[in-house]
PDB file of all heavy atoms in Angstrom:
ATOM      1  N   GLU A   1      -8.096   6.871   6.322  1.00  0.00           N
ATOM      2  CA  GLU A   1      -8.625   8.164   5.863  1.00  0.00           C
ATOM      3  C   GLU A   1      -9.951   8.486   6.554  1.00  0.00           C
ATOM      4  O   GLU A   1     -10.175   9.625   6.973  1.00  0.00           O
ATOM      5  CB  GLU A   1      -8.792   8.171   4.341  1.00  0.00           C
ATOM      6  CG  GLU A   1      -7.491   8.247   3.582  1.00  0.00           C
ATOM      7  CD  GLU A   1      -6.662   9.460   3.935  1.00  0.00           C
ATOM      8  OE1 GLU A   1      -7.205  10.590   3.924  1.00  0.00           O
ATOM      9  OE2 GLU A   1      -5.468   9.289   4.230  1.00  0.00           O
ATOM     10  N   PHE A   2     -10.809   7.506   6.686  1.00  0.00           N
ATOM     11  CA  PHE A   2     -12.089   7.729   7.376  1.00  0.00           C
ATOM     12  C   PHE A   2     -11.871   8.004   8.860  1.00  0.00           C
ATOM     13  O   PHE A   2     -12.543   8.863   9.441  1.00  0.00           O
ATOM     14  CB  PHE A   2     -13.033   6.540   7.172  1.00  0.00           C
ATOM     15  CG  PHE A   2     -13.676   6.538   5.825  1.00  0.00           C
ATOM     16  CD1 PHE A   2     -13.188   5.734   4.804  1.00  0.00           C
ATOM     17  CD2 PHE A   2     -14.767   7.345   5.562  1.00  0.00           C
ATOM     18  CE1 PHE A   2     -13.772   5.738   3.554  1.00  0.00           C
ATOM     19  CE2 PHE A   2     -15.376   7.361   4.309  1.00  0.00           C
ATOM     20  CZ  PHE A   2     -14.870   6.552   3.298  1.00  0.00           C
ATOM     21  N   VAL A   3     -10.928   7.302   9.477  1.00  0.00           N
ATOM     22  CA  VAL A   3     -10.631   7.527  10.900  1.00  0.00           C
ATOM     23  C   VAL A   3     -10.072   8.934  11.100  1.00  0.00           C
ATOM     24  O   VAL A   3     -10.429   9.621  12.058  1.00  0.00           O
ATOM     25  CB  VAL A   3      -9.669   6.452  11.447  1.00  0.00           C
ATOM     26  CG1 VAL A   3      -9.159   6.809  12.833  1.00  0.00           C
ATOM     27  CG2 VAL A   3     -10.351   5.090  11.478  1.00  0.00           C
ATOM     28  N   GLN A   4      -9.204   9.390  10.189  1.00  0.00           N
ATOM     29  CA  GLN A   4      -8.671  10.751  10.288  1.00  0.00           C
ATOM     30  C   GLN A   4      -9.798  11.776  10.276  1.00  0.00           C
ATOM     31  O   GLN A   4      -9.790  12.723  11.067  1.00  0.00           O
ATOM     32  CB  GLN A   4      -7.712  11.033   9.129  1.00  0.00           C
ATOM     33  CG  GLN A   4      -6.373  10.376   9.254  1.00  0.00           C
ATOM     34  CD  GLN A   4      -5.495  10.638   8.033  1.00  0.00           C
ATOM     35  OE1 GLN A   4      -5.987  10.941   6.945  1.00  0.00           O
ATOM     36  NE2 GLN A   4      -4.191  10.509   8.223  1.00  0.00           N
ATOM     37  N   ALA A   5     -10.748  11.602   9.398  1.00  0.00           N
ATOM     38  CA  ALA A   5     -11.878  12.541   9.320  1.00  0.00           C
ATOM     39  C   ALA A   5     -12.716  12.471  10.596  1.00  0.00           C
ATOM     40  O   ALA A   5     -13.145  13.499  11.125  1.00  0.00           O
ATOM     41  CB  ALA A   5     -12.745  12.224   8.104  1.00  0.00           C
ATOM     42  N   TRP A   6     -12.932  11.296  11.108  1.00  0.00           N
ATOM     43  CA  TRP A   6     -13.751  11.094  12.304  1.00  0.00           C
ATOM     44  C   TRP A   6     -13.077  11.667  13.554  1.00  0.00           C
ATOM     45  O   TRP A   6     -13.736  12.250  14.397  1.00  0.00           O
ATOM     46  CB  TRP A   6     -14.024   9.601  12.471  1.00  0.00           C
ATOM     47  CG  TRP A   6     -14.731   9.258  13.735  1.00  0.00           C
ATOM     48  CD1 TRP A   6     -16.054   9.441  14.014  1.00  0.00           C
ATOM     49  CD2 TRP A   6     -14.138   8.692  14.896  1.00  0.00           C
ATOM     50  NE1 TRP A   6     -16.318   9.005  15.281  1.00  0.00           N
ATOM     51  CE2 TRP A   6     -15.156   8.536  15.854  1.00  0.00           C
ATOM     52  CE3 TRP A   6     -12.848   8.275  15.235  1.00  0.00           C
ATOM     53  CZ2 TRP A   6     -14.923   8.000  17.106  1.00  0.00           C
ATOM     54  CZ3 TRP A   6     -12.619   7.738  16.474  1.00  0.00           C
ATOM     55  CH2 TRP A   6     -13.652   7.612  17.397  1.00  0.00           C
ATOM     56  N   MET A   7     -11.750  11.517  13.665  1.00  0.00           N
ATOM     57  CA  MET A   7     -11.034  11.966  14.862  1.00  0.00           C
ATOM     58  C   MET A   7     -11.043  13.484  15.007  1.00  0.00           C
ATOM     59  O   MET A   7     -11.055  13.995  16.118  1.00  0.00           O
ATOM     60  CB  MET A   7      -9.582  11.462  14.843  1.00  0.00           C
ATOM     61  CG  MET A   7      -9.454   9.991  15.099  1.00  0.00           C
ATOM     62  SD  MET A   7      -7.756   9.375  14.896  1.00  0.00           S
ATOM     63  CE  MET A   7      -6.831  10.413  15.983  1.00  0.00           C
ATOM     64  N   GLY A   8     -10.952  14.196  13.907  1.00  0.00           N
ATOM     65  CA  GLY A   8     -10.952  15.648  13.962  1.00  0.00           C
ATOM     66  C   GLY A   8      -9.763  16.242  14.693  1.00  0.00           C
ATOM     67  O   GLY A   8      -9.902  17.234  15.400  1.00  0.00           O
ATOM     68  N   LEU A   9      -8.587  15.658  14.515  1.00  0.00           N
ATOM     69  CA  LEU A   9      -7.384  16.152  15.201  1.00  0.00           C
ATOM     70  C   LEU A   9      -6.428  16.862  14.237  1.00  0.00           C
ATOM     71  O   LEU A   9      -5.222  16.826  14.406  1.00  0.00           O
ATOM     72  CB  LEU A   9      -6.649  14.993  15.886  1.00  0.00           C
ATOM     73  CG  LEU A   9      -7.388  14.321  17.038  1.00  0.00           C
ATOM     74  CD1 LEU A   9      -6.600  13.127  17.557  1.00  0.00           C
ATOM     75  CD2 LEU A   9      -7.611  15.322  18.170  1.00  0.00           C
ATOM     76  N   GLY A  10      -6.995  17.486  13.232  1.00  0.00           N
ATOM     77  CA  GLY A  10      -6.143  18.215  12.297  1.00  0.00           C
ATOM     78  C   GLY A  10      -5.708  17.382  11.104  1.00  0.00           C
ATOM     79  O   GLY A  10      -5.073  17.892  10.196  1.00  0.00           O
ATOM     80  N   ARG A  11      -6.027  16.110  11.103  1.00  0.00           N
ATOM     81  CA  ARG A  11      -5.724  15.249   9.961  1.00  0.00           C
ATOM     82  C   ARG A  11      -7.015  15.110   9.169  1.00  0.00           C
ATOM     83  O   ARG A  11      -8.069  14.889   9.730  1.00  0.00           O
ATOM     84  CB  ARG A  11      -5.248  13.865  10.424  1.00  0.00           C
ATOM     85  CG  ARG A  11      -4.094  13.857  11.409  1.00  0.00           C
ATOM     86  CD  ARG A  11      -2.817  14.490  10.881  1.00  0.00           C
ATOM     87  NE  ARG A  11      -2.209  13.794   9.792  1.00  0.00           N
ATOM     88  CZ  ARG A  11      -1.214  12.927   9.899  1.00  0.00           C
ATOM     89  NH1 ARG A  11      -0.726  12.626  11.080  1.00  0.00           N
ATOM     90  NH2 ARG A  11      -0.711  12.352   8.841  1.00  0.00           N
ATOM     91  N   GLY A  12      -6.939  15.229   7.868  1.00  0.00           N
ATOM     92  CA  GLY A  12      -8.164  15.235   7.084  1.00  0.00           C
ATOM     93  C   GLY A  12      -8.266  14.101   6.091  1.00  0.00           C
ATOM     94  O   GLY A  12      -7.276  13.477   5.712  1.00  0.00           O
ATOM     95  N   PHE A  13      -9.481  13.859   5.660  1.00  0.00           N
ATOM     96  CA  PHE A  13      -9.801  12.879   4.630  1.00  0.00           C
ATOM     97  C   PHE A  13      -9.409  13.452   3.275  1.00  0.00           C
ATOM     98  O   PHE A  13      -9.771  14.576   2.948  1.00  0.00           O
ATOM     99  CB  PHE A  13     -11.311  12.596   4.676  1.00  0.00           C
ATOM    100  CG  PHE A  13     -11.767  11.594   3.663  1.00  0.00           C
ATOM    101  CD1 PHE A  13     -11.906  10.266   4.012  1.00  0.00           C
ATOM    102  CD2 PHE A  13     -12.065  11.976   2.370  1.00  0.00           C
ATOM    103  CE1 PHE A  13     -12.345   9.331   3.081  1.00  0.00           C
ATOM    104  CE2 PHE A  13     -12.500  11.058   1.426  1.00  0.00           C
ATOM    105  CZ  PHE A  13     -12.640   9.727   1.788  1.00  0.00           C
ATOM    106  N   GLU A  14      -8.666  12.681   2.476  1.00  0.00           N
ATOM    107  CA  GLU A  14      -8.285  13.122   1.134  1.00  0.00           C
ATOM    108  C   GLU A  14      -8.419  11.969   0.161  1.00  0.00           C
ATOM    109  O   GLU A  14      -7.850  10.898   0.378  1.00  0.00           O
ATOM    110  CB  GLU A  14      -6.831  13.615   1.104  1.00  0.00           C
ATOM    111  CG  GLU A  14      -6.583  14.921   1.804  1.00  0.00           C
ATOM    112  CD  GLU A  14      -5.150  15.408   1.596  1.00  0.00           C
ATOM    113  OE1 GLU A  14      -4.639  15.284   0.466  1.00  0.00           O
ATOM    114  OE2 GLU A  14      -4.567  15.896   2.568  1.00  0.00           O
ATOM    115  N   TYR A  15      -9.170  12.195  -0.916  1.00  0.00           N
ATOM    116  CA  TYR A  15      -9.288  11.167  -1.952  1.00  0.00           C
ATOM    117  C   TYR A  15      -7.933  10.879  -2.589  1.00  0.00           C
ATOM    118  O   TYR A  15      -7.645   9.741  -2.968  1.00  0.00           O
ATOM    119  CB  TYR A  15     -10.300  11.582  -3.017  1.00  0.00           C
ATOM    120  CG  TYR A  15     -11.723  11.493  -2.531  1.00  0.00           C
ATOM    121  CD1 TYR A  15     -12.451  12.638  -2.274  1.00  0.00           C
ATOM    122  CD2 TYR A  15     -12.329  10.260  -2.318  1.00  0.00           C
ATOM    123  CE1 TYR A  15     -13.763  12.569  -1.818  1.00  0.00           C
ATOM    124  CE2 TYR A  15     -13.638  10.175  -1.857  1.00  0.00           C
ATOM    125  CZ  TYR A  15     -14.345  11.327  -1.614  1.00  0.00           C
ATOM    126  OH  TYR A  15     -15.633  11.248  -1.157  1.00  0.00           O
ATOM    127  N   GLY A  16      -7.099  11.900  -2.703  1.00  0.00           N
ATOM    128  CA  GLY A  16      -5.758  11.703  -3.262  1.00  0.00           C
ATOM    129  C   GLY A  16      -4.932  10.736  -2.435  1.00  0.00           C
ATOM    130  O   GLY A  16      -4.140   9.954  -2.992  1.00  0.00           O
ATOM    131  N   ASP A  17      -5.096  10.758  -1.120  1.00  0.00           N
ATOM    132  CA  ASP A  17      -4.388   9.807  -0.262  1.00  0.00           C
ATOM    133  C   ASP A  17      -4.887   8.386  -0.496  1.00  0.00           C
ATOM    134  O   ASP A  17      -4.101   7.432  -0.498  1.00  0.00           O
ATOM    135  CB  ASP A  17      -4.550  10.174   1.219  1.00  0.00           C
ATOM    136  CG  ASP A  17      -3.749  11.404   1.611  1.00  0.00           C
ATOM    137  OD1 ASP A  17      -2.901  11.865   0.814  1.00  0.00           O
ATOM    138  OD2 ASP A  17      -3.982  11.912   2.724  1.00  0.00           O
ATOM    139  N   ILE A  18      -6.192   8.242  -0.706  1.00  0.00           N
ATOM    140  CA  ILE A  18      -6.752   6.914  -0.980  1.00  0.00           C
ATOM    141  C   ILE A  18      -6.174   6.360  -2.283  1.00  0.00           C
ATOM    142  O   ILE A  18      -5.797   5.186  -2.363  1.00  0.00           O
ATOM    143  CB  ILE A  18      -8.292   6.962  -1.027  1.00  0.00           C
ATOM    144  CG1 ILE A  18      -8.839   7.183   0.384  1.00  0.00           C
ATOM    145  CG2 ILE A  18      -8.865   5.692  -1.644  1.00  0.00           C
ATOM    146  CD1 ILE A  18     -10.339   7.369   0.457  1.00  0.00           C
ATOM    147  N   VAL A  19      -6.087   7.206  -3.289  1.00  0.00           N
ATOM    148  CA  VAL A  19      -5.514   6.775  -4.568  1.00  0.00           C
ATOM    149  C   VAL A  19      -4.045   6.380  -4.376  1.00  0.00           C
ATOM    150  O   VAL A  19      -3.598   5.340  -4.866  1.00  0.00           O
ATOM    151  CB  VAL A  19      -5.657   7.880  -5.639  1.00  0.00           C
ATOM    152  CG1 VAL A  19      -4.866   7.546  -6.892  1.00  0.00           C
ATOM    153  CG2 VAL A  19      -7.128   8.110  -5.968  1.00  0.00           C
ATOM    154  N   ALA A  20      -3.302   7.194  -3.639  1.00  0.00           N
ATOM    155  CA  ALA A  20      -1.889   6.894  -3.398  1.00  0.00           C
ATOM    156  C   ALA A  20      -1.722   5.611  -2.578  1.00  0.00           C
ATOM    157  O   ALA A  20      -0.855   4.781  -2.889  1.00  0.00           O
ATOM    158  CB  ALA A  20      -1.219   8.069  -2.679  1.00  0.00           C
ATOM    159  N   ASP A  21      -2.535   5.431  -1.545  1.00  0.00           N
ATOM    160  CA  ASP A  21      -2.470   4.223  -0.720  1.00  0.00           C
ATOM    161  C   ASP A  21      -2.722   2.976  -1.565  1.00  0.00           C
ATOM    162  O   ASP A  21      -1.980   1.992  -1.493  1.00  0.00           O
ATOM    163  CB  ASP A  21      -3.518   4.259   0.400  1.00  0.00           C
ATOM    164  CG  ASP A  21      -3.346   5.421   1.365  1.00  0.00           C
ATOM    165  OD1 ASP A  21      -2.269   6.041   1.384  1.00  0.00           O
ATOM    166  OD2 ASP A  21      -4.308   5.700   2.102  1.00  0.00           O
ATOM    167  N   THR A  22      -3.781   3.033  -2.363  1.00  0.00           N
ATOM    168  CA  THR A  22      -4.173   1.877  -3.175  1.00  0.00           C
ATOM    169  C   THR A  22      -3.155   1.585  -4.267  1.00  0.00           C
ATOM    170  O   THR A  22      -2.765   0.430  -4.479  1.00  0.00           O
ATOM    171  CB  THR A  22      -5.574   2.131  -3.792  1.00  0.00           C
ATOM    172  OG1 THR A  22      -6.487   2.396  -2.722  1.00  0.00           O
ATOM    173  CG2 THR A  22      -6.050   0.945  -4.590  1.00  0.00           C
ATOM    174  N   THR A  23      -2.696   2.631  -4.924  1.00  0.00           N
ATOM    175  CA  THR A  23      -1.695   2.455  -5.981  1.00  0.00           C
ATOM    176  C   THR A  23      -0.417   1.846  -5.414  1.00  0.00           C
ATOM    177  O   THR A  23       0.126   0.891  -5.979  1.00  0.00           O
ATOM    178  CB  THR A  23      -1.383   3.810  -6.655  1.00  0.00           C
ATOM    179  OG1 THR A  23      -2.603   4.347  -7.173  1.00  0.00           O
ATOM    180  CG2 THR A  23      -0.366   3.656  -7.767  1.00  0.00           C
ATOM    181  N   GLY A  24       0.058   2.387  -4.300  1.00  0.00           N
ATOM    182  CA  GLY A  24       1.270   1.860  -3.685  1.00  0.00           C
ATOM    183  C   GLY A  24       1.109   0.424  -3.222  1.00  0.00           C
ATOM    184  O   GLY A  24       1.990  -0.415  -3.433  1.00  0.00           O
ATOM    185  N   ALA A  25      -0.032   0.117  -2.611  1.00  0.00           N
ATOM    186  CA  ALA A  25      -0.271  -1.244  -2.103  1.00  0.00           C
ATOM    187  C   ALA A  25      -0.197  -2.263  -3.238  1.00  0.00           C
ATOM    188  O   ALA A  25       0.499  -3.278  -3.125  1.00  0.00           O
ATOM    189  CB  ALA A  25      -1.627  -1.306  -1.404  1.00  0.00           C
ATOM    190  N   PHE A  26      -0.902  -2.006  -4.332  1.00  0.00           N
ATOM    191  CA  PHE A  26      -0.928  -2.974  -5.429  1.00  0.00           C
ATOM    192  C   PHE A  26       0.368  -2.974  -6.233  1.00  0.00           C
ATOM    193  O   PHE A  26       0.854  -4.040  -6.631  1.00  0.00           O
ATOM    194  CB  PHE A  26      -2.136  -2.743  -6.337  1.00  0.00           C
ATOM    195  CG  PHE A  26      -3.402  -3.254  -5.728  1.00  0.00           C
ATOM    196  CD1 PHE A  26      -4.331  -2.379  -5.202  1.00  0.00           C
ATOM    197  CD2 PHE A  26      -3.659  -4.611  -5.654  1.00  0.00           C
ATOM    198  CE1 PHE A  26      -5.497  -2.840  -4.620  1.00  0.00           C
ATOM    199  CE2 PHE A  26      -4.821  -5.098  -5.071  1.00  0.00           C
ATOM    200  CZ  PHE A  26      -5.744  -4.218  -4.556  1.00  0.00           C
ATOM    201  N   PHE A  27       0.960  -1.810  -6.450  1.00  0.00           N
ATOM    202  CA  PHE A  27       2.214  -1.757  -7.206  1.00  0.00           C
ATOM    203  C   PHE A  27       3.306  -2.557  -6.504  1.00  0.00           C
ATOM    204  O   PHE A  27       3.975  -3.401  -7.120  1.00  0.00           O
ATOM    205  CB  PHE A  27       2.674  -0.298  -7.398  1.00  0.00           C
ATOM    206  CG  PHE A  27       4.030  -0.203  -8.034  1.00  0.00           C
ATOM    207  CD1 PHE A  27       4.180  -0.360  -9.403  1.00  0.00           C
ATOM    208  CD2 PHE A  27       5.173   0.023  -7.270  1.00  0.00           C
ATOM    209  CE1 PHE A  27       5.438  -0.295 -10.003  1.00  0.00           C
ATOM    210  CE2 PHE A  27       6.424   0.089  -7.856  1.00  0.00           C
ATOM    211  CZ  PHE A  27       6.556  -0.067  -9.225  1.00  0.00           C
ATOM    212  N   PHE A  28       3.488  -2.314  -5.202  1.00  0.00           N
ATOM    213  CA  PHE A  28       4.557  -3.004  -4.487  1.00  0.00           C
ATOM    214  C   PHE A  28       4.248  -4.480  -4.252  1.00  0.00           C
ATOM    215  O   PHE A  28       5.154  -5.310  -4.217  1.00  0.00           O
ATOM    216  CB  PHE A  28       4.893  -2.277  -3.184  1.00  0.00           C
ATOM    217  CG  PHE A  28       5.697  -1.037  -3.425  1.00  0.00           C
ATOM    218  CD1 PHE A  28       5.103   0.207  -3.433  1.00  0.00           C
ATOM    219  CD2 PHE A  28       7.052  -1.115  -3.688  1.00  0.00           C
ATOM    220  CE1 PHE A  28       5.832   1.353  -3.682  1.00  0.00           C
ATOM    221  CE2 PHE A  28       7.801   0.023  -3.943  1.00  0.00           C
ATOM    222  CZ  PHE A  28       7.192   1.262  -3.939  1.00  0.00           C
ATOM    223  N   ALA A  29       2.968  -4.839  -4.120  1.00  0.00           N
ATOM    224  CA  ALA A  29       2.611  -6.253  -3.996  1.00  0.00           C
ATOM    225  C   ALA A  29       2.986  -6.994  -5.284  1.00  0.00           C
ATOM    226  O   ALA A  29       3.590  -8.074  -5.233  1.00  0.00           O
ATOM    227  CB  ALA A  29       1.120  -6.403  -3.706  1.00  0.00           C
ATOM    228  N   PHE A  30       2.665  -6.412  -6.438  1.00  0.00           N
ATOM    229  CA  PHE A  30       3.004  -7.064  -7.697  1.00  0.00           C
ATOM    230  C   PHE A  30       4.506  -7.019  -7.976  1.00  0.00           C
ATOM    231  O   PHE A  30       5.048  -7.951  -8.575  1.00  0.00           O
ATOM    232  CB  PHE A  30       2.174  -6.490  -8.846  1.00  0.00           C
ATOM    233  CG  PHE A  30       0.754  -6.950  -8.799  1.00  0.00           C
ATOM    234  CD1 PHE A  30      -0.254  -6.089  -8.426  1.00  0.00           C
ATOM    235  CD2 PHE A  30       0.418  -8.269  -9.075  1.00  0.00           C
ATOM    236  CE1 PHE A  30      -1.569  -6.519  -8.343  1.00  0.00           C
ATOM    237  CE2 PHE A  30      -0.889  -8.720  -8.999  1.00  0.00           C
ATOM    238  CZ  PHE A  30      -1.888  -7.847  -8.633  1.00  0.00           C
ATOM    239  N   LEU A  31       5.177  -5.994  -7.526  1.00  0.00           N
ATOM    240  CA  LEU A  31       6.645  -5.965  -7.628  1.00  0.00           C
ATOM    241  C   LEU A  31       7.240  -7.112  -6.805  1.00  0.00           C
ATOM    242  O   LEU A  31       8.173  -7.785  -7.246  1.00  0.00           O
ATOM    243  CB  LEU A  31       7.178  -4.612  -7.153  1.00  0.00           C
ATOM    244  CG  LEU A  31       8.668  -4.371  -7.324  1.00  0.00           C
ATOM    245  CD1 LEU A  31       9.052  -4.395  -8.805  1.00  0.00           C
ATOM    246  CD2 LEU A  31       9.057  -3.038  -6.700  1.00  0.00           C
ATOM    247  N   PHE A  32       6.702  -7.345  -5.618  1.00  0.00           N
ATOM    248  CA  PHE A  32       7.118  -8.482  -4.791  1.00  0.00           C
ATOM    249  C   PHE A  32       6.956  -9.780  -5.574  1.00  0.00           C
ATOM    250  O   PHE A  32       7.847 -10.630  -5.591  1.00  0.00           O
ATOM    251  CB  PHE A  32       6.285  -8.522  -3.506  1.00  0.00           C
ATOM    252  CG  PHE A  32       6.602  -9.667  -2.592  1.00  0.00           C
ATOM    253  CD1 PHE A  32       7.475  -9.496  -1.527  1.00  0.00           C
ATOM    254  CD2 PHE A  32       6.025 -10.919  -2.778  1.00  0.00           C
ATOM    255  CE1 PHE A  32       7.761 -10.546  -0.675  1.00  0.00           C
ATOM    256  CE2 PHE A  32       6.310 -11.973  -1.937  1.00  0.00           C
ATOM    257  CZ  PHE A  32       7.181 -11.788  -0.887  1.00  0.00           C
ATOM    258  N   PHE A  33       5.813  -9.947  -6.224  1.00  0.00           N
ATOM    259  CA  PHE A  33       5.527 -11.149  -7.002  1.00  0.00           C
ATOM    260  C   PHE A  33       6.590 -11.374  -8.077  1.00  0.00           C
ATOM    261  O   PHE A  33       7.080 -12.488  -8.254  1.00  0.00           O
ATOM    262  CB  PHE A  33       4.135 -11.042  -7.623  1.00  0.00           C
ATOM    263  CG  PHE A  33       3.755 -12.218  -8.471  1.00  0.00           C
ATOM    264  CD1 PHE A  33       3.476 -13.443  -7.902  1.00  0.00           C
ATOM    265  CD2 PHE A  33       3.666 -12.090  -9.846  1.00  0.00           C
ATOM    266  CE1 PHE A  33       3.109 -14.523  -8.668  1.00  0.00           C
ATOM    267  CE2 PHE A  33       3.304 -13.162 -10.632  1.00  0.00           C
ATOM    268  CZ  PHE A  33       3.022 -14.388 -10.046  1.00  0.00           C
ATOM    269  N   ILE A  34       6.945 -10.315  -8.763  1.00  0.00           N
ATOM    270  CA  ILE A  34       7.933 -10.420  -9.848  1.00  0.00           C
ATOM    271  C   ILE A  34       9.327 -10.734  -9.312  1.00  0.00           C
ATOM    272  O   ILE A  34      10.057 -11.528  -9.887  1.00  0.00           O
ATOM    273  CB  ILE A  34       7.960  -9.109 -10.672  1.00  0.00           C
ATOM    274  CG1 ILE A  34       6.632  -8.961 -11.416  1.00  0.00           C
ATOM    275  CG2 ILE A  34       9.139  -9.064 -11.625  1.00  0.00           C
ATOM    276  CD1 ILE A  34       6.400  -7.572 -11.998  1.00  0.00           C
ATOM    277  N   LEU A  35       9.698 -10.116  -8.187  1.00  0.00           N
ATOM    278  CA  LEU A  35      11.064 -10.230  -7.669  1.00  0.00           C
ATOM    279  C   LEU A  35      11.280 -11.392  -6.703  1.00  0.00           C
ATOM    280  O   LEU A  35      12.423 -11.693  -6.372  1.00  0.00           O
ATOM    281  CB  LEU A  35      11.465  -8.924  -6.983  1.00  0.00           C
ATOM    282  CG  LEU A  35      11.516  -7.695  -7.873  1.00  0.00           C
ATOM    283  CD1 LEU A  35      11.853  -6.457  -7.051  1.00  0.00           C
ATOM    284  CD2 LEU A  35      12.518  -7.890  -9.005  1.00  0.00           C
ATOM    285  N   GLN A  36      10.229 -12.058  -6.247  1.00  0.00           N
ATOM    286  CA  GLN A  36      10.394 -13.061  -5.205  1.00  0.00           C
ATOM    287  C   GLN A  36      11.309 -14.219  -5.607  1.00  0.00           C
ATOM    288  O   GLN A  36      11.931 -14.840  -4.750  1.00  0.00           O
ATOM    289  CB  GLN A  36       9.044 -13.578  -4.713  1.00  0.00           C
ATOM    290  CG  GLN A  36       8.289 -14.429  -5.698  1.00  0.00           C
ATOM    291  CD  GLN A  36       6.971 -14.913  -5.146  1.00  0.00           C
ATOM    292  OE1 GLN A  36       6.813 -15.104  -3.948  1.00  0.00           O
ATOM    293  NE2 GLN A  36       6.014 -15.111  -6.029  1.00  0.00           N
ATOM    294  N   LYS A  37      11.454 -14.491  -6.886  1.00  0.00           N
ATOM    295  CA  LYS A  37      12.326 -15.574  -7.335  1.00  0.00           C
ATOM    296  C   LYS A  37      13.790 -15.343  -6.924  1.00  0.00           C
ATOM    297  O   LYS A  37      14.551 -16.274  -6.761  1.00  0.00           O
ATOM    298  CB  LYS A  37      12.247 -15.736  -8.850  1.00  0.00           C
ATOM    299  CG  LYS A  37      10.899 -16.185  -9.321  1.00  0.00           C
ATOM    300  CD  LYS A  37      10.829 -16.188 -10.821  1.00  0.00           C
ATOM    301  CE  LYS A  37       9.405 -16.429 -11.265  1.00  0.00           C
ATOM    302  NZ  LYS A  37       9.203 -16.130 -12.660  1.00  0.00           N
ATOM    303  N   SER A  38      14.154 -14.074  -6.752  1.00  0.00           N
ATOM    304  CA  SER A  38      15.554 -13.760  -6.449  1.00  0.00           C
ATOM    305  C   SER A  38      15.967 -14.132  -5.030  1.00  0.00           C
ATOM    306  O   SER A  38      17.150 -14.247  -4.762  1.00  0.00           O
ATOM    307  CB  SER A  38      15.838 -12.279  -6.713  1.00  0.00           C
ATOM    308  OG  SER A  38      15.084 -11.472  -5.838  1.00  0.00           O
ATOM    309  N   TRP A  39      15.024 -14.339  -4.103  1.00  0.00           N
ATOM    310  CA  TRP A  39      15.419 -14.713  -2.749  1.00  0.00           C
ATOM    311  C   TRP A  39      14.870 -16.063  -2.289  1.00  0.00           C
ATOM    312  O   TRP A  39      15.166 -16.519  -1.195  1.00  0.00           O
ATOM    313  CB  TRP A  39      15.017 -13.635  -1.731  1.00  0.00           C
ATOM    314  CG  TRP A  39      13.555 -13.382  -1.615  1.00  0.00           C
ATOM    315  CD1 TRP A  39      12.639 -14.140  -0.940  1.00  0.00           C
ATOM    316  CD2 TRP A  39      12.843 -12.311  -2.199  1.00  0.00           C
ATOM    317  NE1 TRP A  39      11.405 -13.606  -1.076  1.00  0.00           N
ATOM    318  CE2 TRP A  39      11.489 -12.468  -1.848  1.00  0.00           C
ATOM    319  CE3 TRP A  39      13.196 -11.231  -2.987  1.00  0.00           C
ATOM    320  CZ2 TRP A  39      10.504 -11.592  -2.252  1.00  0.00           C
ATOM    321  CZ3 TRP A  39      12.214 -10.368  -3.385  1.00  0.00           C
ATOM    322  CH2 TRP A  39      10.902 -10.544  -3.025  1.00  0.00           C
ATOM    323  N   LEU A  40      14.058 -16.695  -3.134  1.00  0.00           N
ATOM    324  CA  LEU A  40      13.523 -17.994  -2.746  1.00  0.00           C
ATOM    325  C   LEU A  40      14.573 -19.079  -2.928  1.00  0.00           C
ATOM    326  O   LEU A  40      15.452 -18.967  -3.784  1.00  0.00           O
ATOM    327  CB  LEU A  40      12.281 -18.328  -3.574  1.00  0.00           C
ATOM    328  CG  LEU A  40      11.061 -17.446  -3.305  1.00  0.00           C
ATOM    329  CD1 LEU A  40       9.944 -17.797  -4.286  1.00  0.00           C
ATOM    330  CD2 LEU A  40      10.594 -17.591  -1.891  1.00  0.00           C
ATOM    331  N   PRO A  41      14.472 -20.152  -2.146  1.00  0.00           N
ATOM    332  CA  PRO A  41      15.419 -21.266  -2.331  1.00  0.00           C
ATOM    333  C   PRO A  41      15.253 -21.862  -3.737  1.00  0.00           C
ATOM    334  O   PRO A  41      14.178 -21.790  -4.325  1.00  0.00           O
ATOM    335  CB  PRO A  41      15.018 -22.277  -1.256  1.00  0.00           C
ATOM    336  CG  PRO A  41      13.891 -21.702  -0.494  1.00  0.00           C
ATOM    337  CD  PRO A  41      13.514 -20.396  -1.106  1.00  0.00           C
ATOM    338  N   ASP A  42      16.335 -22.455  -4.243  1.00  0.00           N
ATOM    339  CA  ASP A  42      16.279 -23.058  -5.579  1.00  0.00           C
ATOM    340  C   ASP A  42      15.273 -24.206  -5.619  1.00  0.00           C
ATOM    341  O   ASP A  42      14.562 -24.366  -6.587  1.00  0.00           O
ATOM    342  CB  ASP A  42      17.661 -23.560  -5.987  1.00  0.00           C
ATOM    343  CG  ASP A  42      18.631 -22.409  -6.204  1.00  0.00           C
ATOM    344  OD1 ASP A  42      18.168 -21.305  -6.538  1.00  0.00           O
ATOM    345  OD2 ASP A  42      19.840 -22.610  -6.020  1.00  0.00           O
ATOM    346  N   LYS A  43      15.244 -24.992  -4.572  1.00  0.00           N
ATOM    347  CA  LYS A  43      14.309 -26.110  -4.480  1.00  0.00           C
ATOM    348  C   LYS A  43      13.342 -25.820  -3.355  1.00  0.00           C
ATOM    349  O   LYS A  43      13.748 -25.347  -2.301  1.00  0.00           O
ATOM    350  CB  LYS A  43      15.049 -27.409  -4.190  1.00  0.00           C
ATOM    351  CG  LYS A  43      16.003 -27.809  -5.296  1.00  0.00           C
ATOM    352  CD  LYS A  43      16.738 -29.073  -4.930  1.00  0.00           C
ATOM    353  CE  LYS A  43      17.765 -29.384  -5.994  1.00  0.00           C
ATOM    354  NZ  LYS A  43      18.566 -30.529  -5.669  1.00  0.00           N
ATOM    355  N   PRO A  44      12.045 -26.095  -3.560  1.00  0.00           N
ATOM    356  CA  PRO A  44      11.093 -25.872  -2.472  1.00  0.00           C
ATOM    357  C   PRO A  44      11.477 -26.635  -1.222  1.00  0.00           C
ATOM    358  O   PRO A  44      11.876 -27.790  -1.287  1.00  0.00           O
ATOM    359  CB  PRO A  44       9.765 -26.387  -3.034  1.00  0.00           C
ATOM    360  CG  PRO A  44       9.949 -26.427  -4.515  1.00  0.00           C
ATOM    361  CD  PRO A  44      11.413 -26.620  -4.753  1.00  0.00           C
TER     362      PRO A  44
END
């Protein structure tokens, strides 16, 4: 977001994008944590 504002190529800084980026990053990381048992080997 900061690079978009700095570049000035028609892409802009948006706080809403930061919220969406952060929410998606943590939501899907924790979803991975919950679901990882389904593809891990039975024995380490």
